[in-house]
Amino acid sequence: MLAFISARQAGLDDPLRLRRAESTRRSHPDVHKFSVETVQWYPHDTGMFTSSSFDKTLKIWDTNTLQPADVFNFEGTVYSHHMSPVATKHCLIAVGTKSPKVQLCDLKSGSCSQILQGHRQEVLAVAWSPRYEYVLATASADSRVKLWDVRRASGCLITLDQHNGEKSKASSEAANTAHNGRVNGLCFTSDGLHLLSTGTDDRMRLWNSSSGENTLVNYGKVCNESRKGLKFTISTGCDPEFAFVPYGSTIAVYTVYSGELITMLRGHYSTVDCCVFQPNFQELYSGSRDCNILAWVPALREPVPDEDAEKQHLNPAFEDGWSSSDDEG
């Protein structure tokens, strides 16, 4: 059971890390020229990782040499990319760019092998299902979230509708939209049965990924002023599951299925841009414009022999939750 989180700065105290950090400094000839938006390990081994940037490129890196093994170039800004964590029959990287077309890059051929057409504006977030290797979710500035089976050439499987088809409650402009603003964040639950989306309408919505139904979980106001992709994450191996969402200079922690705001994690000094959950150690990592990476580590709680005393001293909201500590930095 997880008690709560303390924060520590993820410093480069290891000599190997220092050497590698030095080798990718700004003077390195292969470094990205503008803001790096997404970084992801190759899901099957750590010998390779990928990065994409506002410099209109997606780079495939050899971890051992820290040299690009391949570079994909695009006509517009790259907001997001993602590789399937479960795929065994394809090596596709989904890429969201300034274009309304979703690009699928094939690692085997080294080319953009497929284009998904259906969005009307830039694609801000992409996420492969952790359950089905051919199912992809995409989110756009056109207020829409689409689910695709990339084997089908006929178009998307579902366009998510916040009103669940009840047109009487929706204006013609809002029909078949997931949010009332730009949709800039997507994350599947670990079992792939649900999809969480965030938008600049300050709302977060939980969807049944099979039926496309809006589950109508109320998370309250989720402040989101980002003009680009918002990288948030969902826990794995927790009961209940938690969503960690950048919220200004803090990180809001919600229970996924009830929508309860558990706590706000404070430790950064500027806007938080991304969060990622590490399931093996049950740790959360966050990156901010303050140039710091913080590791939020589950803190062990001293056992309380008297059960009644434990109930008196422990806020029920934190019994299975996550929190920040004002005593630890």
C-alpha atoms as a PDB file:
ATOM      1  CA  MET A   1       0.000   0.000   0.000  1.00  0.00           C
ATOM      2  CA  LEU A   2       1.324   3.420  -0.924  1.00  0.00           C
ATOM      3  CA  ALA A   3       1.441   5.942   1.886  1.00  0.00           C
ATOM      4  CA  PHE A   4       2.663   9.169   0.287  1.00  0.00           C
ATOM      5  CA  ILE A   5       5.376  10.702  -1.819  1.00  0.00           C
ATOM      6  CA  SER A   6       8.378  12.751  -0.942  1.00  0.00           C
ATOM      7  CA  ALA A   7      10.311  14.674  -3.564  1.00  0.00           C
ATOM      8  CA  ARG A   8      14.009  14.680  -4.304  1.00  0.00           C
ATOM      9  CA  GLN A   9      15.910  16.207  -7.154  1.00  0.00           C
ATOM     10  CA  ALA A  10      17.048  13.659  -9.725  1.00  0.00           C
ATOM     11  CA  GLY A  11      20.659  14.827  -9.734  1.00  0.00           C
ATOM     12  CA  LEU A  12      23.446  13.577 -11.974  1.00  0.00           C
ATOM     13  CA  ASP A  13      25.475  12.022  -9.176  1.00  0.00           C
ATOM     14  CA  ASP A  14      26.607   9.011 -11.196  1.00  0.00           C
ATOM     15  CA  PRO A  15      29.828   9.472 -13.251  1.00  0.00           C
ATOM     16  CA  LEU A  16      28.367   7.592 -16.228  1.00  0.00           C
ATOM     17  CA  ARG A  17      25.339   9.847 -16.206  1.00  0.00           C
ATOM     18  CA  LEU A  18      27.598  12.877 -16.022  1.00  0.00           C
ATOM     19  CA  ARG A  19      29.583  11.751 -19.058  1.00  0.00           C
ATOM     20  CA  ARG A  20      26.438  11.084 -21.054  1.00  0.00           C
ATOM     21  CA  ALA A  21      24.878  14.362 -20.018  1.00  0.00           C
ATOM     22  CA  GLU A  22      28.028  16.133 -21.095  1.00  0.00           C
ATOM     23  CA  SER A  23      28.009  14.368 -24.458  1.00  0.00           C
ATOM     24  CA  THR A  24      24.510  15.638 -25.257  1.00  0.00           C
ATOM     25  CA  ARG A  25      25.091  19.261 -24.275  1.00  0.00           C
ATOM     26  CA  ARG A  26      23.990  22.012 -26.643  1.00  0.00           C
ATOM     27  CA  SER A  27      27.233  22.014 -28.600  1.00  0.00           C
ATOM     28  CA  HIS A  28      26.711  18.379 -29.612  1.00  0.00           C
ATOM     29  CA  PRO A  29      26.182  18.334 -33.406  1.00  0.00           C
ATOM     30  CA  ASP A  30      23.123  16.058 -33.224  1.00  0.00           C
ATOM     31  CA  VAL A  31      21.255  17.876 -30.474  1.00  0.00           C
ATOM     32  CA  HIS A  32      17.718  19.107 -31.194  1.00  0.00           C
ATOM     33  CA  LYS A  33      17.614  22.773 -32.199  1.00  0.00           C
ATOM     34  CA  PHE A  34      14.397  23.644 -30.352  1.00  0.00           C
ATOM     35  CA  SER A  35      12.244  22.402 -27.482  1.00  0.00           C
ATOM     36  CA  VAL A  36      12.207  18.615 -27.018  1.00  0.00           C
ATOM     37  CA  GLU A  37       8.566  17.573 -26.538  1.00  0.00           C
ATOM     38  CA  THR A  38       8.689  13.782 -26.101  1.00  0.00           C
ATOM     39  CA  VAL A  39      11.330  11.221 -25.151  1.00  0.00           C
ATOM     40  CA  GLN A  40      10.613   7.486 -24.999  1.00  0.00           C
ATOM     41  CA  TRP A  41      12.633   4.326 -24.533  1.00  0.00           C
ATOM     42  CA  TYR A  42      12.228   1.612 -27.149  1.00  0.00           C
ATOM     43  CA  PRO A  43       9.657  -0.589 -25.330  1.00  0.00           C
ATOM     44  CA  HIS A  44      11.558  -3.851 -25.742  1.00  0.00           C
ATOM     45  CA  ASP A  45      15.078  -2.902 -24.629  1.00  0.00           C
ATOM     46  CA  THR A  46      17.052   0.135 -23.510  1.00  0.00           C
ATOM     47  CA  GLY A  47      19.544   0.025 -26.377  1.00  0.00           C
ATOM     48  CA  MET A  48      17.515   2.597 -28.227  1.00  0.00           C
ATOM     49  CA  PHE A  49      15.350   5.619 -27.406  1.00  0.00           C
ATOM     50  CA  THR A  50      13.479   8.245 -29.384  1.00  0.00           C
ATOM     51  CA  SER A  51      13.037  12.008 -29.103  1.00  0.00           C
ATOM     52  CA  SER A  52      10.929  14.540 -30.980  1.00  0.00           C
ATOM     53  CA  SER A  53      11.125  18.296 -31.062  1.00  0.00           C
ATOM     54  CA  PHE A  54       9.751  21.604 -32.233  1.00  0.00           C
ATOM     55  CA  ASP A  55      12.633  21.514 -34.746  1.00  0.00           C
ATOM     56  CA  LYS A  56      10.346  19.273 -36.884  1.00  0.00           C
ATOM     57  CA  THR A  57      12.329  16.083 -36.343  1.00  0.00           C
ATOM     58  CA  LEU A  58      11.951  12.693 -34.697  1.00  0.00           C
ATOM     59  CA  LYS A  59      15.297  11.109 -33.849  1.00  0.00           C
ATOM     60  CA  ILE A  60      16.095   7.454 -33.160  1.00  0.00           C
ATOM     61  CA  TRP A  61      19.084   7.255 -30.805  1.00  0.00           C
ATOM     62  CA  ASP A  62      21.603   4.502 -30.137  1.00  0.00           C
ATOM     63  CA  THR A  63      21.912   4.532 -26.334  1.00  0.00           C
ATOM     64  CA  ASN A  64      25.492   3.238 -26.305  1.00  0.00           C
ATOM     65  CA  THR A  65      26.945   5.771 -28.735  1.00  0.00           C
ATOM     66  CA  LEU A  66      24.419   8.575 -28.170  1.00  0.00           C
ATOM     67  CA  GLN A  67      24.357   9.062 -31.926  1.00  0.00           C
ATOM     68  CA  PRO A  68      21.180   9.187 -34.050  1.00  0.00           C
ATOM     69  CA  ALA A  69      20.592   5.917 -35.870  1.00  0.00           C
ATOM     70  CA  ASP A  70      17.847   7.551 -37.952  1.00  0.00           C
ATOM     71  CA  VAL A  71      16.102  10.902 -38.319  1.00  0.00           C
ATOM     72  CA  PHE A  72      12.556  11.525 -39.566  1.00  0.00           C
ATOM     73  CA  ASN A  73      11.852  15.022 -40.875  1.00  0.00           C
ATOM     74  CA  PHE A  74       8.411  16.645 -40.949  1.00  0.00           C
ATOM     75  CA  GLU A  75       6.973  19.791 -42.507  1.00  0.00           C
ATOM     76  CA  GLY A  76       5.627  21.126 -39.214  1.00  0.00           C
ATOM     77  CA  THR A  77       6.301  21.234 -35.480  1.00  0.00           C
ATOM     78  CA  VAL A  78       6.260  17.835 -33.757  1.00  0.00           C
ATOM     79  CA  TYR A  79       4.051  17.876 -30.645  1.00  0.00           C
ATOM     80  CA  SER A  80       4.041  14.227 -29.629  1.00  0.00           C
ATOM     81  CA  HIS A  81       5.097  10.735 -30.610  1.00  0.00           C
ATOM     82  CA  HIS A  82       4.534   7.282 -29.145  1.00  0.00           C
ATOM     83  CA  MET A  83       5.565   3.653 -29.700  1.00  0.00           C
ATOM     84  CA  SER A  84       3.256   0.809 -28.742  1.00  0.00           C
ATOM     85  CA  PRO A  85       4.287  -0.862 -25.458  1.00  0.00           C
ATOM     86  CA  VAL A  86       2.829  -4.222 -26.575  1.00  0.00           C
ATOM     87  CA  ALA A  87       3.326  -4.432 -30.354  1.00  0.00           C
ATOM     88  CA  THR A  88       5.084  -7.524 -31.672  1.00  0.00           C
ATOM     89  CA  LYS A  89       3.899  -7.422 -35.298  1.00  0.00           C
ATOM     90  CA  HIS A  90       4.767  -3.841 -36.176  1.00  0.00           C
ATOM     91  CA  CYS A  91       7.389  -1.181 -35.362  1.00  0.00           C
ATOM     92  CA  LEU A  92       5.292   1.907 -35.961  1.00  0.00           C
ATOM     93  CA  ILE A  93       5.826   5.252 -34.240  1.00  0.00           C
ATOM     94  CA  ALA A  94       2.738   7.469 -34.204  1.00  0.00           C
ATOM     95  CA  VAL A  95       3.600  11.162 -34.602  1.00  0.00           C
ATOM     96  CA  GLY A  96       1.389  14.205 -34.007  1.00  0.00           C
ATOM     97  CA  THR A  97       2.480  17.385 -35.782  1.00  0.00           C
ATOM     98  CA  LYS A  98       1.287  20.795 -36.934  1.00  0.00           C
ATOM     99  CA  SER A  99      -0.488  18.933 -39.721  1.00  0.00           C
ATOM    100  CA  PRO A 100      -3.961  17.450 -39.145  1.00  0.00           C
ATOM    101  CA  LYS A 101      -2.651  14.193 -40.598  1.00  0.00           C
ATOM    102  CA  VAL A 102      -1.320  11.596 -38.139  1.00  0.00           C
ATOM    103  CA  GLN A 103       1.999  10.197 -39.344  1.00  0.00           C
ATOM    104  CA  LEU A 104       3.018   6.569 -38.784  1.00  0.00           C
ATOM    105  CA  CYS A 105       6.782   6.047 -39.079  1.00  0.00           C
ATOM    106  CA  ASP A 106       8.096   2.521 -39.589  1.00  0.00           C
ATOM    107  CA  LEU A 107      11.361   1.751 -37.810  1.00  0.00           C
ATOM    108  CA  LYS A 108      12.013  -1.221 -40.098  1.00  0.00           C
ATOM    109  CA  SER A 109      11.786   0.693 -43.369  1.00  0.00           C
ATOM    110  CA  GLY A 110      12.958   4.043 -42.027  1.00  0.00           C
ATOM    111  CA  SER A 111      10.099   5.885 -43.735  1.00  0.00           C
ATOM    112  CA  CYS A 112       6.654   7.328 -43.017  1.00  0.00           C
ATOM    113  CA  SER A 113       4.647   4.319 -44.127  1.00  0.00           C
ATOM    114  CA  GLN A 114       1.104   5.498 -43.416  1.00  0.00           C
ATOM    115  CA  ILE A 115      -1.035   8.594 -42.855  1.00  0.00           C
ATOM    116  CA  LEU A 116      -4.284   8.744 -40.852  1.00  0.00           C
ATOM    117  CA  GLN A 117      -6.666  11.434 -42.074  1.00  0.00           C
ATOM    118  CA  GLY A 118      -9.678  12.713 -40.167  1.00  0.00           C
ATOM    119  CA  HIS A 119      -8.639  15.559 -37.884  1.00  0.00           C
ATOM    120  CA  ARG A 120      -9.148  19.150 -39.009  1.00  0.00           C
ATOM    121  CA  GLN A 121      -6.370  20.862 -37.058  1.00  0.00           C
ATOM    122  CA  GLU A 122      -2.962  20.074 -35.558  1.00  0.00           C
ATOM    123  CA  VAL A 123      -2.544  16.793 -33.672  1.00  0.00           C
ATOM    124  CA  LEU A 124      -1.345  17.504 -30.126  1.00  0.00           C
ATOM    125  CA  ALA A 125      -1.266  14.026 -28.531  1.00  0.00           C
ATOM    126  CA  VAL A 126      -1.019  10.387 -29.627  1.00  0.00           C
ATOM    127  CA  ALA A 127      -1.194   7.210 -27.520  1.00  0.00           C
ATOM    128  CA  TRP A 128      -1.143   3.516 -28.438  1.00  0.00           C
ATOM    129  CA  SER A 129      -3.384   1.159 -26.500  1.00  0.00           C
ATOM    130  CA  PRO A 130      -1.517  -1.043 -23.990  1.00  0.00           C
ATOM    131  CA  ARG A 131      -4.107  -3.761 -24.711  1.00  0.00           C
ATOM    132  CA  TYR A 132      -4.404  -3.939 -28.506  1.00  0.00           C
ATOM    133  CA  GLU A 133      -1.297  -3.371 -30.590  1.00  0.00           C
ATOM    134  CA  TYR A 134      -3.109  -1.894 -33.597  1.00  0.00           C
ATOM    135  CA  VAL A 135      -5.346   0.554 -31.692  1.00  0.00           C
ATOM    136  CA  LEU A 136      -4.219   4.182 -31.534  1.00  0.00           C
ATOM    137  CA  ALA A 137      -5.793   7.245 -29.877  1.00  0.00           C
ATOM    138  CA  THR A 138      -5.177  10.753 -31.227  1.00  0.00           C
ATOM    139  CA  ALA A 139      -6.159  14.194 -29.910  1.00  0.00           C
ATOM    140  CA  SER A 140      -6.309  17.456 -31.805  1.00  0.00           C
ATOM    141  CA  ALA A 141      -6.805  21.191 -31.568  1.00  0.00           C
ATOM    142  CA  ASP A 142     -10.110  20.544 -33.376  1.00  0.00           C
ATOM    143  CA  SER A 143     -11.556  19.433 -29.979  1.00  0.00           C
ATOM    144  CA  ARG A 144     -11.749  15.801 -31.091  1.00  0.00           C
ATOM    145  CA  VAL A 145     -10.327  12.504 -29.898  1.00  0.00           C
ATOM    146  CA  LYS A 146     -10.291   9.626 -32.364  1.00  0.00           C
ATOM    147  CA  LEU A 147      -9.604   5.918 -31.959  1.00  0.00           C
ATOM    148  CA  TRP A 148      -8.074   4.096 -34.919  1.00  0.00           C
ATOM    149  CA  ASP A 149      -7.292   0.550 -35.970  1.00  0.00           C
ATOM    150  CA  VAL A 150      -4.235   1.292 -38.096  1.00  0.00           C
ATOM    151  CA  ARG A 151      -4.878  -1.791 -40.229  1.00  0.00           C
ATOM    152  CA  ARG A 152      -8.063  -0.186 -41.586  1.00  0.00           C
ATOM    153  CA  ALA A 153      -7.885   2.205 -44.493  1.00  0.00           C
ATOM    154  CA  SER A 154     -11.506   3.331 -44.199  1.00  0.00           C
ATOM    155  CA  GLY A 155     -11.002   5.816 -41.375  1.00  0.00           C
ATOM    156  CA  CYS A 156     -11.188   5.936 -37.591  1.00  0.00           C
ATOM    157  CA  LEU A 157     -13.088   3.468 -35.413  1.00  0.00           C
ATOM    158  CA  ILE A 158     -14.702   6.046 -33.126  1.00  0.00           C
ATOM    159  CA  THR A 159     -14.808   9.815 -32.677  1.00  0.00           C
ATOM    160  CA  LEU A 160     -15.413  10.372 -28.973  1.00  0.00           C
ATOM    161  CA  ASP A 161     -18.492  12.425 -28.073  1.00  0.00           C
ATOM    162  CA  GLN A 162     -18.652  14.149 -24.694  1.00  0.00           C
ATOM    163  CA  HIS A 163     -22.480  14.062 -24.861  1.00  0.00           C
ATOM    164  CA  ASN A 164     -22.682  10.319 -25.638  1.00  0.00           C
ATOM    165  CA  GLY A 165     -24.846  10.977 -28.667  1.00  0.00           C
ATOM    166  CA  GLU A 166     -27.495  13.014 -26.867  1.00  0.00           C
ATOM    167  CA  LYS A 167     -27.769  15.679 -29.545  1.00  0.00           C
ATOM    168  CA  SER A 168     -30.458  17.564 -27.658  1.00  0.00           C
ATOM    169  CA  LYS A 169     -27.793  18.585 -25.176  1.00  0.00           C
ATOM    170  CA  ALA A 170     -25.230  19.507 -27.781  1.00  0.00           C
ATOM    171  CA  SER A 171     -25.060  22.402 -30.175  1.00  0.00           C
ATOM    172  CA  SER A 172     -24.173  21.578 -33.746  1.00  0.00           C
ATOM    173  CA  GLU A 173     -20.658  22.919 -33.149  1.00  0.00           C
ATOM    174  CA  ALA A 174     -20.105  20.675 -30.125  1.00  0.00           C
ATOM    175  CA  ALA A 175     -21.415  17.453 -31.713  1.00  0.00           C
ATOM    176  CA  ASN A 176     -18.845  14.662 -31.742  1.00  0.00           C
ATOM    177  CA  THR A 177     -16.303  16.660 -29.774  1.00  0.00           C
ATOM    178  CA  ALA A 178     -14.468  15.322 -26.734  1.00  0.00           C
ATOM    179  CA  HIS A 179     -13.832  18.766 -25.219  1.00  0.00           C
ATOM    180  CA  ASN A 180     -14.872  22.378 -25.731  1.00  0.00           C
ATOM    181  CA  GLY A 181     -11.320  23.415 -26.466  1.00  0.00           C
ATOM    182  CA  ARG A 182      -8.029  22.030 -27.718  1.00  0.00           C
ATOM    183  CA  VAL A 183      -7.450  18.420 -26.630  1.00  0.00           C
ATOM    184  CA  ASN A 184      -3.774  18.233 -25.723  1.00  0.00           C
ATOM    185  CA  GLY A 185      -3.341  15.196 -23.466  1.00  0.00           C
ATOM    186  CA  LEU A 186      -4.102  11.448 -23.684  1.00  0.00           C
ATOM    187  CA  CYS A 187      -3.260   8.503 -21.462  1.00  0.00           C
ATOM    188  CA  PHE A 188      -4.642   4.961 -21.338  1.00  0.00           C
ATOM    189  CA  THR A 189      -5.129   3.140 -18.048  1.00  0.00           C
ATOM    190  CA  SER A 190      -2.677   0.285 -17.585  1.00  0.00           C
ATOM    191  CA  ASP A 191      -5.232  -2.339 -18.645  1.00  0.00           C
ATOM    192  CA  GLY A 192      -6.202  -0.367 -21.746  1.00  0.00           C
ATOM    193  CA  LEU A 193      -9.907  -0.436 -20.877  1.00  0.00           C
ATOM    194  CA  HIS A 194     -10.184   3.315 -20.335  1.00  0.00           C
ATOM    195  CA  LEU A 195      -8.684   6.441 -21.864  1.00  0.00           C
ATOM    196  CA  LEU A 196      -8.169   9.742 -20.047  1.00  0.00           C
ATOM    197  CA  SER A 197      -8.127  13.022 -21.988  1.00  0.00           C
ATOM    198  CA  THR A 198      -7.380  16.631 -21.015  1.00  0.00           C
ATOM    199  CA  GLY A 199      -8.349  19.826 -22.789  1.00  0.00           C
ATOM    200  CA  THR A 200      -7.995  23.571 -22.607  1.00  0.00           C
ATOM    201  CA  ASP A 201     -11.636  23.745 -21.485  1.00  0.00           C
ATOM    202  CA  ASP A 202     -10.134  22.916 -18.049  1.00  0.00           C
ATOM    203  CA  ARG A 203     -11.761  19.506 -18.050  1.00  0.00           C
ATOM    204  CA  MET A 204     -10.483  15.944 -17.840  1.00  0.00           C
ATOM    205  CA  ARG A 205     -12.653  13.100 -19.136  1.00  0.00           C
ATOM    206  CA  LEU A 206     -12.536   9.329 -18.720  1.00  0.00           C
ATOM    207  CA  TRP A 207     -13.693   7.229 -21.677  1.00  0.00           C
ATOM    208  CA  ASN A 208     -14.531   3.570 -22.152  1.00  0.00           C
ATOM    209  CA  SER A 209     -12.001   2.718 -24.856  1.00  0.00           C
ATOM    210  CA  SER A 210     -14.138  -0.073 -26.344  1.00  0.00           C
ATOM    211  CA  SER A 211     -17.496   1.691 -26.629  1.00  0.00           C
ATOM    212  CA  GLY A 212     -16.225   5.280 -26.701  1.00  0.00           C
ATOM    213  CA  GLU A 213     -18.647   6.197 -23.931  1.00  0.00           C
ATOM    214  CA  ASN A 214     -17.942   9.208 -21.721  1.00  0.00           C
ATOM    215  CA  THR A 215     -18.064   7.728 -18.199  1.00  0.00           C
ATOM    216  CA  LEU A 216     -19.012  11.166 -16.800  1.00  0.00           C
ATOM    217  CA  VAL A 217     -16.499  11.037 -13.944  1.00  0.00           C
ATOM    218  CA  ASN A 218     -16.287  14.562 -12.498  1.00  0.00           C
ATOM    219  CA  TYR A 219     -12.729  15.736 -11.796  1.00  0.00           C
ATOM    220  CA  GLY A 220     -13.760  19.350 -11.277  1.00  0.00           C
ATOM    221  CA  LYS A 221     -11.756  22.144 -12.853  1.00  0.00           C
ATOM    222  CA  VAL A 222      -8.398  20.896 -14.159  1.00  0.00           C
ATOM    223  CA  CYS A 223      -6.510  24.068 -15.074  1.00  0.00           C
ATOM    224  CA  ASN A 224      -4.868  23.631 -18.475  1.00  0.00           C
ATOM    225  CA  GLU A 225      -3.409  26.622 -20.288  1.00  0.00           C
ATOM    226  CA  SER A 226      -0.868  24.732 -22.384  1.00  0.00           C
ATOM    227  CA  ARG A 227      -0.789  25.586 -26.077  1.00  0.00           C
ATOM    228  CA  LYS A 228       1.090  22.383 -26.848  1.00  0.00           C
ATOM    229  CA  GLY A 229       0.886  18.755 -25.709  1.00  0.00           C
ATOM    230  CA  LEU A 230       0.418  18.071 -21.997  1.00  0.00           C
ATOM    231  CA  LYS A 231       2.246  14.964 -20.773  1.00  0.00           C
ATOM    232  CA  PHE A 232       0.426  13.426 -17.828  1.00  0.00           C
ATOM    233  CA  THR A 233       0.457   9.855 -16.528  1.00  0.00           C
ATOM    234  CA  ILE A 234      -1.544   7.150 -14.752  1.00  0.00           C
ATOM    235  CA  SER A 235      -0.150   4.838 -12.072  1.00  0.00           C
ATOM    236  CA  THR A 236       0.363   1.120 -12.577  1.00  0.00           C
ATOM    237  CA  GLY A 237      -0.018  -1.462  -9.825  1.00  0.00           C
ATOM    238  CA  CYS A 238      -1.896   0.839  -7.449  1.00  0.00           C
ATOM    239  CA  ASP A 239      -5.318   0.346  -5.920  1.00  0.00           C
ATOM    240  CA  PRO A 240      -6.971   2.686  -6.642  1.00  0.00           C
ATOM    241  CA  GLU A 241      -5.253   4.000  -9.750  1.00  0.00           C
ATOM    242  CA  PHE A 242      -4.084   7.616  -9.734  1.00  0.00           C
ATOM    243  CA  ALA A 243      -3.721  10.235 -12.446  1.00  0.00           C
ATOM    244  CA  PHE A 244      -0.812  12.680 -12.085  1.00  0.00           C
ATOM    245  CA  VAL A 245      -1.571  15.854 -14.031  1.00  0.00           C
ATOM    246  CA  PRO A 246       0.635  18.971 -14.394  1.00  0.00           C
ATOM    247  CA  TYR A 247      -1.257  21.883 -12.846  1.00  0.00           C
ATOM    248  CA  GLY A 248       0.753  25.085 -13.072  1.00  0.00           C
ATOM    249  CA  SER A 249       3.875  24.634 -10.941  1.00  0.00           C
ATOM    250  CA  THR A 250       2.254  21.722  -9.071  1.00  0.00           C
ATOM    251  CA  ILE A 251       1.038  18.215  -9.907  1.00  0.00           C
ATOM    252  CA  ALA A 252      -2.580  17.346  -9.201  1.00  0.00           C
ATOM    253  CA  VAL A 253      -3.233  13.775  -8.067  1.00  0.00           C
ATOM    254  CA  TYR A 254      -6.683  12.340  -8.817  1.00  0.00           C
ATOM    255  CA  THR A 255      -8.236   8.934  -8.299  1.00  0.00           C
ATOM    256  CA  VAL A 256      -8.986   7.821 -11.847  1.00  0.00           C
ATOM    257  CA  TYR A 257     -12.394   6.224 -11.385  1.00  0.00           C
ATOM    258  CA  SER A 258     -13.935   8.454  -8.703  1.00  0.00           C
ATOM    259  CA  GLY A 259     -12.444  11.792  -9.792  1.00  0.00           C
ATOM    260  CA  GLU A 260     -11.388  12.744  -6.258  1.00  0.00           C
ATOM    261  CA  LEU A 261      -8.554  15.250  -5.970  1.00  0.00           C
ATOM    262  CA  ILE A 262      -6.228  13.584  -3.466  1.00  0.00           C
ATOM    263  CA  THR A 263      -3.492  16.176  -3.175  1.00  0.00           C
ATOM    264  CA  MET A 264      -1.262  18.681  -4.972  1.00  0.00           C
ATOM    265  CA  LEU A 265       2.427  17.802  -5.178  1.00  0.00           C
ATOM    266  CA  ARG A 266       4.553  20.907  -4.631  1.00  0.00           C
ATOM    267  CA  GLY A 267       8.268  21.136  -5.286  1.00  0.00           C
ATOM    268  CA  HIS A 268       8.795  22.833  -8.645  1.00  0.00           C
ATOM    269  CA  TYR A 269       9.323  26.579  -9.037  1.00  0.00           C
ATOM    270  CA  SER A 270       7.834  26.958 -12.507  1.00  0.00           C
ATOM    271  CA  THR A 271       5.324  25.342 -14.863  1.00  0.00           C
ATOM    272  CA  VAL A 272       5.389  21.534 -14.902  1.00  0.00           C
ATOM    273  CA  ASP A 273       5.363  20.207 -18.470  1.00  0.00           C
ATOM    274  CA  CYS A 274       5.452  16.439 -18.042  1.00  0.00           C
ATOM    275  CA  CYS A 275       5.032  13.508 -15.674  1.00  0.00           C
ATOM    276  CA  VAL A 276       5.932   9.843 -16.080  1.00  0.00           C
ATOM    277  CA  PHE A 277       5.276   6.925 -13.725  1.00  0.00           C
ATOM    278  CA  GLN A 278       7.878   4.197 -13.148  1.00  0.00           C
ATOM    279  CA  PRO A 279       5.939   1.054 -12.139  1.00  0.00           C
ATOM    280  CA  ASN A 280       8.912  -1.088 -11.063  1.00  0.00           C
ATOM    281  CA  PHE A 281       9.754   1.272  -8.206  1.00  0.00           C
ATOM    282  CA  GLN A 282       6.358   2.987  -7.914  1.00  0.00           C
ATOM    283  CA  GLU A 283       8.035   6.331  -8.505  1.00  0.00           C
ATOM    284  CA  LEU A 284       6.850   9.446 -10.296  1.00  0.00           C
ATOM    285  CA  TYR A 285       9.166  11.737 -12.276  1.00  0.00           C
ATOM    286  CA  SER A 286       8.259  15.274 -13.266  1.00  0.00           C
ATOM    287  CA  GLY A 287       9.935  17.841 -15.500  1.00  0.00           C
ATOM    288  CA  SER A 288       9.474  21.589 -15.270  1.00  0.00           C
ATOM    289  CA  ARG A 289      10.495  24.847 -16.907  1.00  0.00           C
ATOM    290  CA  ASP A 290      12.556  25.477 -13.776  1.00  0.00           C
ATOM    291  CA  CYS A 291      15.083  23.081 -15.412  1.00  0.00           C
ATOM    292  CA  ASN A 292      14.670  20.508 -12.626  1.00  0.00           C
ATOM    293  CA  ILE A 293      13.569  16.896 -12.720  1.00  0.00           C
ATOM    294  CA  LEU A 294      11.986  15.732  -9.473  1.00  0.00           C
ATOM    295  CA  ALA A 295      11.578  12.117  -8.391  1.00  0.00           C
ATOM    296  CA  TRP A 296       8.554  11.562  -6.163  1.00  0.00           C
ATOM    297  CA  VAL A 297       9.281   8.499  -4.077  1.00  0.00           C
ATOM    298  CA  PRO A 298       6.814   6.485  -1.972  1.00  0.00           C
ATOM    299  CA  ALA A 299       7.680   7.097   1.671  1.00  0.00           C
ATOM    300  CA  LEU A 300       7.535   4.241   4.149  1.00  0.00           C
ATOM    301  CA  ARG A 301       5.122   4.859   6.995  1.00  0.00           C
ATOM    302  CA  GLU A 302       5.915   3.835  10.551  1.00  0.00           C
ATOM    303  CA  PRO A 303       3.424   1.181  11.729  1.00  0.00           C
ATOM    304  CA  VAL A 304       0.934   2.273  14.370  1.00  0.00           C
ATOM    305  CA  PRO A 305       0.163  -0.610  16.741  1.00  0.00           C
ATOM    306  CA  ASP A 306      -3.179   0.790  17.862  1.00  0.00           C
ATOM    307  CA  GLU A 307      -5.686   0.601  15.003  1.00  0.00           C
ATOM    308  CA  ASP A 308      -7.884   3.312  16.529  1.00  0.00           C
ATOM    309  CA  ALA A 309      -4.886   5.602  16.909  1.00  0.00           C
ATOM    310  CA  GLU A 310      -4.021   5.084  13.237  1.00  0.00           C
ATOM    311  CA  LYS A 311      -7.487   6.199  12.217  1.00  0.00           C
ATOM    312  CA  GLN A 312      -7.110   9.337  14.324  1.00  0.00           C
ATOM    313  CA  HIS A 313      -3.750  10.324  12.865  1.00  0.00           C
ATOM    314  CA  LEU A 314      -4.213   9.384   9.206  1.00  0.00           C
ATOM    315  CA  ASN A 315      -6.460  11.392   6.948  1.00  0.00           C
ATOM    316  CA  PRO A 316      -8.694   8.846   5.168  1.00  0.00           C
ATOM    317  CA  ALA A 317      -7.979  10.519   1.841  1.00  0.00           C
ATOM    318  CA  PHE A 318      -4.370   9.367   2.093  1.00  0.00           C
ATOM    319  CA  GLU A 319      -4.899   5.769   3.229  1.00  0.00           C
ATOM    320  CA  ASP A 320      -4.272   4.474  -0.280  1.00  0.00           C
ATOM    321  CA  GLY A 321      -3.271   7.756  -1.819  1.00  0.00           C
ATOM    322  CA  TRP A 322      -0.353   9.942  -2.721  1.00  0.00           C
ATOM    323  CA  SER A 323       0.626  13.175  -1.071  1.00  0.00           C
ATOM    324  CA  SER A 324       3.449  15.633  -0.844  1.00  0.00           C
ATOM    325  CA  SER A 325       5.368  16.429   2.300  1.00  0.00           C
ATOM    326  CA  ASP A 326       6.062  19.974   3.381  1.00  0.00           C
ATOM    327  CA  ASP A 327       8.912  18.680   5.508  1.00  0.00           C
ATOM    328  CA  GLU A 328      10.822  17.151   2.626  1.00  0.00           C
ATOM    329  CA  GLY A 329      12.108  18.987  -0.427  1.00  0.00           C
END
